[in-house]
Protein backbone atom coordinates (compact mmCIF):
# COMPACT_ATOMS: atom_id res chain seq x y z
CA MET A 1 0.48 10.68 1.12
CA LYS A 2 -0.22 7.25 0.39
CA GLY A 3 -0.32 4.53 2.97
CA LEU A 4 -1.13 0.83 3.59
CA THR A 5 -1.69 -0.97 6.69
CA LYS A 6 1.14 -3.80 7.15
CA GLU A 7 -1.75 -6.37 6.78
CA ARG A 8 -2.89 -5.00 3.51
CA MET A 9 0.56 -4.61 2.15
CA ILE A 10 1.22 -8.32 2.92
CA GLN A 11 -2.03 -9.60 1.11
CA ILE A 12 -0.80 -7.40 -1.90
CA ILE A 13 2.59 -8.56 -1.96
CA GLN A 14 1.48 -12.23 -1.64
CA ALA A 15 -0.98 -11.87 -4.53
CA ASN A 16 1.70 -10.01 -6.91
CA PHE A 17 4.88 -11.58 -6.10
CA GLY A 18 6.09 -15.09 -6.09
CA ASP A 19 7.65 -17.11 -3.44
CA GLY A 20 11.34 -16.31 -3.07
CA GLU A 21 11.18 -13.46 -5.67
CA VAL A 22 13.55 -10.62 -4.95
CA ILE A 23 11.65 -7.35 -4.80
CA LEU A 24 13.80 -4.40 -5.66
CA GLU A 25 13.07 -0.98 -4.29
CA ARG A 26 12.57 0.57 -7.82
CA GLU A 27 9.93 -2.23 -8.71
CA SER A 28 7.20 -0.65 -10.87
CA ARG A 29 4.59 -2.88 -9.45
CA LEU A 30 5.03 -1.37 -6.01
CA LYS A 31 4.34 1.90 -7.33
CA THR A 32 1.27 0.65 -9.35
CA MET A 33 0.13 -1.01 -5.88
CA TRP A 34 0.56 2.40 -4.11
CA ASP A 35 -1.47 4.31 -6.75
CA GLN A 36 -4.26 1.59 -6.99
CA PHE A 37 -4.56 0.62 -3.55
CA GLY A 38 -3.04 3.16 -1.08
CA ASP A 39 -5.24 5.09 1.32
CA ASP A 40 -4.96 8.78 1.85
CA TYR A 41 -3.11 9.86 5.14
CA PHE A 42 -2.28 13.17 6.45
CA ILE A 43 -0.06 14.26 9.75
CA GLU A 44 -2.58 15.58 12.44
CA HIS A 45 -1.39 16.28 15.87
CA ASN A 46 1.79 14.24 15.14
CA GLU A 47 0.20 11.06 14.14
CA TRP A 48 -0.80 9.79 10.84
CA THR A 49 -4.45 10.01 10.16
CA LEU A 50 -6.50 8.31 7.53
CA THR A 51 -8.17 11.19 5.42
CA LYS A 52 -9.50 9.03 2.55
CA LYS A 53 -10.08 5.42 2.29
CA ASN A 54 -9.20 3.87 -1.22
CA GLU A 55 -12.44 2.57 -2.63
CA ASN A 56 -10.46 0.31 -4.95
CA TRP A 57 -9.47 -2.22 -2.08
CA LYS A 58 -12.12 -5.01 -1.54
CA GLU A 59 -12.03 -6.31 2.06
């Protein structure tokens, strides 16, 4: 499953949406962001565990 940290999600939203812009749940840019920048997570011992860091993200 794709996942992002809160901090990374905030950075992506700030870079891709304007101040005051309404972001709807079906916004195609959100799907693109998950596909492009999301890390892979898997549930292990009842916790989400990072299994593969996305190489597209530049810290």
